[in-house]
Amino acid sequence: MREILGRRRRLLSQRSDGRPELLSAALTFATQWQWPVLPGVTADPQGRSRCGCPDPECTVPGAHPFDPGLLAATTDERMVRWWWTNRPAAPIVLATGGNAPCAVSLPALPAAQALAALDRNGMRLGPVIASPTRWALLVKPYSMEQLGELLYAKDFVPGSLRFHGSGGYLALPPSETGQGAIGWERAPLPGSASPWVPDVEAVVDAVVEALTRTGVSAPEL
């Protein structure tokens, strides 16, 4: 019996060890900011660039939900604690839309140049999430109709822009995915309230103008 209890303690220790900052961050997102989150698929241990999901051609390795599915995203503290106690290294995935922010993302290099241009123009931005390949600018929730009207009114929209709206998802810091670490390029201001984010129209207008003015080529990624 003593040996069995010892094994149980070691297993529990292994579950709770790992990356406690992920649990802390997930609880902040869910309980303080009321952003619905769920664990993502971890990267394949045999190859960090591969996903642990069944799709061998997965384009976002480790950075998407699988089991549970996206509809399970929650702000419930007990559920979040249970998930990251049992899967302490799982990426944190935000279910975008609804009461949570949406996002506009683009490849990292043109994103960095666009943000520099926006800073020079005094554009106020909210949090910006950075991965090695893409950056995502958080924006207020928007509907598909609102997005459609916005894009229709534009003469040109870079094809590399992606829109993470209702029914979408986004990996949050400090997750580790098959494409590398997820971090804050522009961190939220300290505090318990949900971070301020701009309207999608302002961000798309500013990003498209910045990319056009700087002559940045934003490749498809």
C-alpha atoms as a PDB file:
ATOM      1  CA  MET A   1       0.000   0.000   0.000  1.00  0.00           C
ATOM      2  CA  ARG A   2       2.843   2.377   0.831  1.00  0.00           C
ATOM      3  CA  GLU A   3       4.335   1.769  -2.637  1.00  0.00           C
ATOM      4  CA  ILE A   4       0.980   2.499  -4.337  1.00  0.00           C
ATOM      5  CA  LEU A   5       0.568   5.730  -2.377  1.00  0.00           C
ATOM      6  CA  GLY A   6       4.098   6.738  -3.315  1.00  0.00           C
ATOM      7  CA  ARG A   7       3.371   6.167  -7.006  1.00  0.00           C
ATOM      8  CA  ARG A   8       0.161   8.210  -6.724  1.00  0.00           C
ATOM      9  CA  ARG A   9       2.048  11.104  -5.131  1.00  0.00           C
ATOM     10  CA  ARG A  10       4.650  11.031  -7.907  1.00  0.00           C
ATOM     11  CA  LEU A  11       1.956  11.025 -10.580  1.00  0.00           C
ATOM     12  CA  LEU A  12       0.125  13.944  -8.968  1.00  0.00           C
ATOM     13  CA  SER A  13       3.400  15.809  -8.685  1.00  0.00           C
ATOM     14  CA  GLN A  14       4.103  15.254 -12.366  1.00  0.00           C
ATOM     15  CA  ARG A  15       0.649  16.551 -13.258  1.00  0.00           C
ATOM     16  CA  SER A  16       0.948  19.761 -11.254  1.00  0.00           C
ATOM     17  CA  ASP A  17       4.567  20.462 -12.247  1.00  0.00           C
ATOM     18  CA  GLY A  18       5.607  21.661 -15.663  1.00  0.00           C
ATOM     19  CA  ARG A  19       4.509  25.192 -16.469  1.00  0.00           C
ATOM     20  CA  PRO A  20       2.471  26.717 -13.632  1.00  0.00           C
ATOM     21  CA  GLU A  21       2.523  30.073 -15.457  1.00  0.00           C
ATOM     22  CA  LEU A  22       0.141  28.587 -18.029  1.00  0.00           C
ATOM     23  CA  LEU A  23      -2.458  27.817 -15.367  1.00  0.00           C
ATOM     24  CA  SER A  24      -2.015  31.271 -13.845  1.00  0.00           C
ATOM     25  CA  ALA A  25      -2.418  32.958 -17.234  1.00  0.00           C
ATOM     26  CA  ALA A  26      -5.438  30.807 -18.165  1.00  0.00           C
ATOM     27  CA  LEU A  27      -7.132  31.739 -14.884  1.00  0.00           C
ATOM     28  CA  THR A  28      -6.472  35.447 -15.488  1.00  0.00           C
ATOM     29  CA  PHE A  29      -7.965  35.275 -18.982  1.00  0.00           C
ATOM     30  CA  ALA A  30     -10.997  33.266 -17.875  1.00  0.00           C
ATOM     31  CA  THR A  31     -11.907  34.634 -14.459  1.00  0.00           C
ATOM     32  CA  GLN A  32     -10.631  38.231 -14.456  1.00  0.00           C
ATOM     33  CA  TRP A  33     -11.051  39.143 -18.107  1.00  0.00           C
ATOM     34  CA  GLN A  34     -13.958  36.778 -18.856  1.00  0.00           C
ATOM     35  CA  TRP A  35     -12.322  35.418 -22.016  1.00  0.00           C
ATOM     36  CA  PRO A  36     -13.463  31.835 -22.752  1.00  0.00           C
ATOM     37  CA  VAL A  37     -10.440  29.558 -23.066  1.00  0.00           C
ATOM     38  CA  LEU A  38      -9.644  25.870 -23.483  1.00  0.00           C
ATOM     39  CA  PRO A  39      -6.485  23.772 -23.852  1.00  0.00           C
ATOM     40  CA  GLY A  40      -4.929  23.379 -27.270  1.00  0.00           C
ATOM     41  CA  VAL A  41      -3.270  20.334 -28.759  1.00  0.00           C
ATOM     42  CA  THR A  42       0.311  19.934 -27.608  1.00  0.00           C
ATOM     43  CA  ALA A  43       2.998  19.621 -30.253  1.00  0.00           C
ATOM     44  CA  ASP A  44       4.153  16.151 -31.286  1.00  0.00           C
ATOM     45  CA  PRO A  45       7.046  15.184 -28.935  1.00  0.00           C
ATOM     46  CA  GLN A  46       8.715  13.420 -31.875  1.00  0.00           C
ATOM     47  CA  GLY A  47       8.867  16.638 -33.867  1.00  0.00           C
ATOM     48  CA  ARG A  48       8.065  20.102 -32.471  1.00  0.00           C
ATOM     49  CA  SER A  49       6.979  21.387 -35.873  1.00  0.00           C
ATOM     50  CA  ARG A  50       4.333  18.655 -36.080  1.00  0.00           C
ATOM     51  CA  CYS A  51       0.984  18.697 -34.309  1.00  0.00           C
ATOM     52  CA  GLY A  52      -0.244  16.135 -31.826  1.00  0.00           C
ATOM     53  CA  CYS A  53      -3.590  15.946 -33.667  1.00  0.00           C
ATOM     54  CA  PRO A  54      -4.367  13.253 -36.270  1.00  0.00           C
ATOM     55  CA  ASP A  55      -3.888  15.631 -39.224  1.00  0.00           C
ATOM     56  CA  PRO A  56      -0.359  15.151 -40.647  1.00  0.00           C
ATOM     57  CA  GLU A  57      -0.754  18.364 -42.668  1.00  0.00           C
ATOM     58  CA  CYS A  58      -1.896  20.549 -39.736  1.00  0.00           C
ATOM     59  CA  THR A  59      -1.004  24.179 -40.489  1.00  0.00           C
ATOM     60  CA  VAL A  60      -1.195  25.421 -36.877  1.00  0.00           C
ATOM     61  CA  PRO A  61       0.627  22.654 -34.944  1.00  0.00           C
ATOM     62  CA  GLY A  62      -0.206  22.719 -31.257  1.00  0.00           C
ATOM     63  CA  ALA A  63      -2.128  25.994 -31.573  1.00  0.00           C
ATOM     64  CA  HIS A  64      -5.704  24.788 -31.970  1.00  0.00           C
ATOM     65  CA  PRO A  65      -8.336  22.907 -29.939  1.00  0.00           C
ATOM     66  CA  PHE A  66      -8.967  19.229 -30.578  1.00  0.00           C
ATOM     67  CA  ASP A  67     -10.246  17.424 -27.488  1.00  0.00           C
ATOM     68  CA  PRO A  68     -12.279  19.128 -26.132  1.00  0.00           C
ATOM     69  CA  GLY A  69     -13.595  21.018 -29.139  1.00  0.00           C
ATOM     70  CA  LEU A  70     -13.893  24.785 -29.449  1.00  0.00           C
ATOM     71  CA  LEU A  71     -17.456  24.848 -28.105  1.00  0.00           C
ATOM     72  CA  ALA A  72     -16.108  23.712 -24.708  1.00  0.00           C
ATOM     73  CA  ALA A  73     -14.307  27.049 -24.163  1.00  0.00           C
ATOM     74  CA  THR A  74     -15.285  28.450 -20.784  1.00  0.00           C
ATOM     75  CA  THR A  75     -14.659  31.086 -18.139  1.00  0.00           C
ATOM     76  CA  ASP A  76     -15.406  28.622 -15.323  1.00  0.00           C
ATOM     77  CA  GLU A  77     -12.535  28.590 -12.811  1.00  0.00           C
ATOM     78  CA  ARG A  78     -12.984  24.963 -11.761  1.00  0.00           C
ATOM     79  CA  MET A  79     -12.926  23.709 -15.336  1.00  0.00           C
ATOM     80  CA  VAL A  80      -9.849  25.770 -16.206  1.00  0.00           C
ATOM     81  CA  ARG A  81      -8.031  24.496 -13.114  1.00  0.00           C
ATOM     82  CA  TRP A  82      -8.936  20.913 -13.962  1.00  0.00           C
ATOM     83  CA  TRP A  83      -7.737  21.218 -17.561  1.00  0.00           C
ATOM     84  CA  TRP A  84      -4.327  22.718 -16.765  1.00  0.00           C
ATOM     85  CA  THR A  85      -3.778  20.546 -13.705  1.00  0.00           C
ATOM     86  CA  ASN A  86      -4.124  17.494 -15.925  1.00  0.00           C
ATOM     87  CA  ARG A  87      -2.440  19.051 -18.978  1.00  0.00           C
ATOM     88  CA  PRO A  88       0.025  21.569 -17.509  1.00  0.00           C
ATOM     89  CA  ALA A  89       1.901  22.154 -20.779  1.00  0.00           C
ATOM     90  CA  ALA A  90      -1.177  22.607 -22.989  1.00  0.00           C
ATOM     91  CA  PRO A  91      -1.318  25.838 -25.015  1.00  0.00           C
ATOM     92  CA  ILE A  92      -4.020  28.319 -24.021  1.00  0.00           C
ATOM     93  CA  VAL A  93      -6.548  28.801 -26.805  1.00  0.00           C
ATOM     94  CA  LEU A  94      -8.969  31.737 -26.860  1.00  0.00           C
ATOM     95  CA  ALA A  95     -12.379  31.273 -28.463  1.00  0.00           C
ATOM     96  CA  THR A  96     -12.666  34.594 -30.311  1.00  0.00           C
ATOM     97  CA  GLY A  97     -15.904  36.531 -30.691  1.00  0.00           C
ATOM     98  CA  GLY A  98     -18.962  36.807 -28.495  1.00  0.00           C
ATOM     99  CA  ASN A  99     -17.852  38.661 -25.365  1.00  0.00           C
ATOM    100  CA  ALA A 100     -14.187  37.953 -26.113  1.00  0.00           C
ATOM    101  CA  PRO A 101     -11.910  39.944 -28.413  1.00  0.00           C
ATOM    102  CA  CYS A 102     -11.512  39.103 -32.062  1.00  0.00           C
ATOM    103  CA  ALA A 103      -8.233  39.595 -33.902  1.00  0.00           C
ATOM    104  CA  VAL A 104      -6.605  40.604 -37.177  1.00  0.00           C
ATOM    105  CA  SER A 105      -3.336  38.811 -37.934  1.00  0.00           C
ATOM    106  CA  LEU A 106      -0.613  39.109 -40.559  1.00  0.00           C
ATOM    107  CA  PRO A 107       2.915  37.762 -41.149  1.00  0.00           C
ATOM    108  CA  ALA A 108       5.474  38.833 -38.552  1.00  0.00           C
ATOM    109  CA  LEU A 109       7.811  40.981 -40.664  1.00  0.00           C
ATOM    110  CA  PRO A 110       5.175  43.198 -42.317  1.00  0.00           C
ATOM    111  CA  ALA A 111       3.356  43.285 -38.966  1.00  0.00           C
ATOM    112  CA  ALA A 112       6.419  44.739 -37.249  1.00  0.00           C
ATOM    113  CA  GLN A 113       6.816  47.344 -39.983  1.00  0.00           C
ATOM    114  CA  ALA A 114       3.114  48.185 -39.936  1.00  0.00           C
ATOM    115  CA  LEU A 115       3.150  48.648 -36.141  1.00  0.00           C
ATOM    116  CA  ALA A 116       6.140  50.974 -36.412  1.00  0.00           C
ATOM    117  CA  ALA A 117       4.221  53.040 -38.968  1.00  0.00           C
ATOM    118  CA  LEU A 118       1.127  53.106 -36.743  1.00  0.00           C
ATOM    119  CA  ASP A 119       3.229  54.294 -33.806  1.00  0.00           C
ATOM    120  CA  ARG A 120       4.586  57.161 -35.899  1.00  0.00           C
ATOM    121  CA  ASN A 121       0.998  58.129 -36.762  1.00  0.00           C
ATOM    122  CA  GLY A 122      -0.117  57.995 -33.134  1.00  0.00           C
ATOM    123  CA  MET A 123      -2.537  55.102 -33.644  1.00  0.00           C
ATOM    124  CA  ARG A 124      -3.692  53.624 -30.340  1.00  0.00           C
ATOM    125  CA  LEU A 125      -3.494  49.831 -30.299  1.00  0.00           C
ATOM    126  CA  GLY A 126      -4.543  47.203 -27.814  1.00  0.00           C
ATOM    127  CA  PRO A 127      -2.609  44.028 -26.993  1.00  0.00           C
ATOM    128  CA  VAL A 128      -0.639  42.424 -29.826  1.00  0.00           C
ATOM    129  CA  ILE A 129       0.196  38.710 -29.775  1.00  0.00           C
ATOM    130  CA  ALA A 130       3.371  37.511 -31.488  1.00  0.00           C
ATOM    131  CA  SER A 131       4.385  34.092 -32.749  1.00  0.00           C
ATOM    132  CA  PRO A 132       7.541  33.440 -34.801  1.00  0.00           C
ATOM    133  CA  THR A 133       5.497  33.608 -38.014  1.00  0.00           C
ATOM    134  CA  ARG A 134       2.476  35.855 -37.386  1.00  0.00           C
ATOM    135  CA  TRP A 135       1.350  38.717 -35.163  1.00  0.00           C
ATOM    136  CA  ALA A 136      -2.272  39.226 -34.123  1.00  0.00           C
ATOM    137  CA  LEU A 137      -3.818  42.576 -33.161  1.00  0.00           C
ATOM    138  CA  LEU A 138      -6.729  42.153 -30.757  1.00  0.00           C
ATOM    139  CA  VAL A 139      -9.881  44.086 -31.645  1.00  0.00           C
ATOM    140  CA  LYS A 140     -13.442  44.457 -30.399  1.00  0.00           C
ATOM    141  CA  PRO A 141     -15.875  41.657 -31.313  1.00  0.00           C
ATOM    142  CA  TYR A 142     -17.376  42.043 -34.776  1.00  0.00           C
ATOM    143  CA  SER A 143     -19.967  40.234 -36.873  1.00  0.00           C
ATOM    144  CA  MET A 144     -19.379  38.614 -40.260  1.00  0.00           C
ATOM    145  CA  GLU A 145     -21.732  41.187 -41.796  1.00  0.00           C
ATOM    146  CA  GLN A 146     -19.685  44.020 -40.314  1.00  0.00           C
ATOM    147  CA  LEU A 147     -16.456  42.475 -41.613  1.00  0.00           C
ATOM    148  CA  GLY A 148     -17.949  41.862 -45.047  1.00  0.00           C
ATOM    149  CA  GLU A 149     -19.031  45.493 -45.410  1.00  0.00           C
ATOM    150  CA  LEU A 150     -15.609  46.673 -44.263  1.00  0.00           C
ATOM    151  CA  LEU A 151     -13.716  44.552 -46.783  1.00  0.00           C
ATOM    152  CA  TYR A 152     -16.148  45.320 -49.620  1.00  0.00           C
ATOM    153  CA  ALA A 153     -15.510  49.034 -49.204  1.00  0.00           C
ATOM    154  CA  LYS A 154     -11.752  48.556 -49.642  1.00  0.00           C
ATOM    155  CA  ASP A 155     -10.007  48.828 -53.003  1.00  0.00           C
ATOM    156  CA  PHE A 156      -7.236  46.558 -51.751  1.00  0.00           C
ATOM    157  CA  VAL A 157      -6.817  44.191 -48.809  1.00  0.00           C
ATOM    158  CA  PRO A 158      -3.609  42.139 -48.488  1.00  0.00           C
ATOM    159  CA  GLY A 159      -4.390  38.471 -48.974  1.00  0.00           C
ATOM    160  CA  SER A 160      -2.167  37.581 -46.031  1.00  0.00           C
ATOM    161  CA  LEU A 161      -4.490  39.285 -43.535  1.00  0.00           C
ATOM    162  CA  ARG A 162      -6.487  36.792 -41.481  1.00  0.00           C
ATOM    163  CA  PHE A 163      -9.559  37.529 -39.420  1.00  0.00           C
ATOM    164  CA  HIS A 164     -10.257  35.654 -36.192  1.00  0.00           C
ATOM    165  CA  GLY A 165     -13.914  36.347 -35.522  1.00  0.00           C
ATOM    166  CA  SER A 166     -16.859  34.504 -34.000  1.00  0.00           C
ATOM    167  CA  GLY A 167     -16.224  30.766 -34.145  1.00  0.00           C
ATOM    168  CA  GLY A 168     -12.476  31.312 -34.481  1.00  0.00           C
ATOM    169  CA  TYR A 169      -9.580  30.785 -32.112  1.00  0.00           C
ATOM    170  CA  LEU A 170      -6.169  32.136 -31.229  1.00  0.00           C
ATOM    171  CA  ALA A 171      -3.305  30.822 -29.079  1.00  0.00           C
ATOM    172  CA  LEU A 172      -2.506  33.105 -26.133  1.00  0.00           C
ATOM    173  CA  PRO A 173       0.763  33.762 -24.271  1.00  0.00           C
ATOM    174  CA  PRO A 174       2.714  32.140 -22.724  1.00  0.00           C
ATOM    175  CA  SER A 175       1.870  29.078 -24.851  1.00  0.00           C
ATOM    176  CA  GLU A 176       4.443  26.907 -26.622  1.00  0.00           C
ATOM    177  CA  THR A 177       3.277  25.582 -29.988  1.00  0.00           C
ATOM    178  CA  GLY A 178       4.791  23.627 -32.837  1.00  0.00           C
ATOM    179  CA  GLN A 179       5.692  26.957 -34.464  1.00  0.00           C
ATOM    180  CA  GLY A 180       7.443  28.260 -31.348  1.00  0.00           C
ATOM    181  CA  ALA A 181       6.641  30.428 -28.351  1.00  0.00           C
ATOM    182  CA  ILE A 182       3.615  32.729 -28.208  1.00  0.00           C
ATOM    183  CA  GLY A 183       4.296  36.043 -26.485  1.00  0.00           C
ATOM    184  CA  TRP A 184       3.093  39.620 -26.124  1.00  0.00           C
ATOM    185  CA  GLU A 185       4.530  42.086 -28.615  1.00  0.00           C
ATOM    186  CA  ARG A 186       2.328  44.680 -26.905  1.00  0.00           C
ATOM    187  CA  ALA A 187       1.412  43.410 -23.453  1.00  0.00           C
ATOM    188  CA  PRO A 188      -1.904  44.338 -21.788  1.00  0.00           C
ATOM    189  CA  LEU A 189      -1.594  47.001 -19.121  1.00  0.00           C
ATOM    190  CA  PRO A 190      -1.478  45.598 -15.575  1.00  0.00           C
ATOM    191  CA  GLY A 191      -4.807  45.394 -13.810  1.00  0.00           C
ATOM    192  CA  SER A 192      -7.780  43.142 -13.225  1.00  0.00           C
ATOM    193  CA  ALA A 193     -10.039  44.591 -15.904  1.00  0.00           C
ATOM    194  CA  SER A 194     -10.213  43.169 -19.406  1.00  0.00           C
ATOM    195  CA  PRO A 195      -7.747  45.045 -21.663  1.00  0.00           C
ATOM    196  CA  TRP A 196      -8.983  47.815 -23.939  1.00  0.00           C
ATOM    197  CA  VAL A 197      -9.070  46.896 -27.637  1.00  0.00           C
ATOM    198  CA  PRO A 198      -9.837  49.064 -30.691  1.00  0.00           C
ATOM    199  CA  ASP A 199     -12.550  48.653 -33.326  1.00  0.00           C
ATOM    200  CA  VAL A 200     -11.762  46.333 -36.220  1.00  0.00           C
ATOM    201  CA  GLU A 201     -12.390  49.147 -38.742  1.00  0.00           C
ATOM    202  CA  ALA A 202      -9.667  51.306 -37.229  1.00  0.00           C
ATOM    203  CA  VAL A 203      -7.151  48.463 -37.206  1.00  0.00           C
ATOM    204  CA  VAL A 204      -7.836  47.255 -40.757  1.00  0.00           C
ATOM    205  CA  ASP A 205      -7.790  50.807 -42.136  1.00  0.00           C
ATOM    206  CA  ALA A 206      -4.525  51.590 -40.365  1.00  0.00           C
ATOM    207  CA  VAL A 207      -2.798  48.316 -41.218  1.00  0.00           C
ATOM    208  CA  VAL A 208      -3.737  48.433 -44.911  1.00  0.00           C
ATOM    209  CA  GLU A 209      -2.638  52.075 -45.151  1.00  0.00           C
ATOM    210  CA  ALA A 210       0.629  51.338 -43.333  1.00  0.00           C
ATOM    211  CA  LEU A 211       1.409  48.373 -45.565  1.00  0.00           C
ATOM    212  CA  THR A 212       0.613  50.427 -48.672  1.00  0.00           C
ATOM    213  CA  ARG A 213       2.683  53.443 -47.608  1.00  0.00           C
ATOM    214  CA  THR A 214       5.703  51.416 -46.576  1.00  0.00           C
ATOM    215  CA  GLY A 215       5.502  49.288 -49.702  1.00  0.00           C
ATOM    216  CA  VAL A 216       5.741  46.133 -47.602  1.00  0.00           C
ATOM    217  CA  SER A 217       5.043  42.899 -49.406  1.00  0.00           C
ATOM    218  CA  ALA A 218       2.975  40.690 -47.119  1.00  0.00           C
ATOM    219  CA  PRO A 219       3.425  37.120 -48.349  1.00  0.00           C
ATOM    220  CA  GLU A 220       0.823  34.429 -47.860  1.00  0.00           C
ATOM    221  CA  LEU A 221       1.668  32.479 -44.676  1.00  0.00           C
END
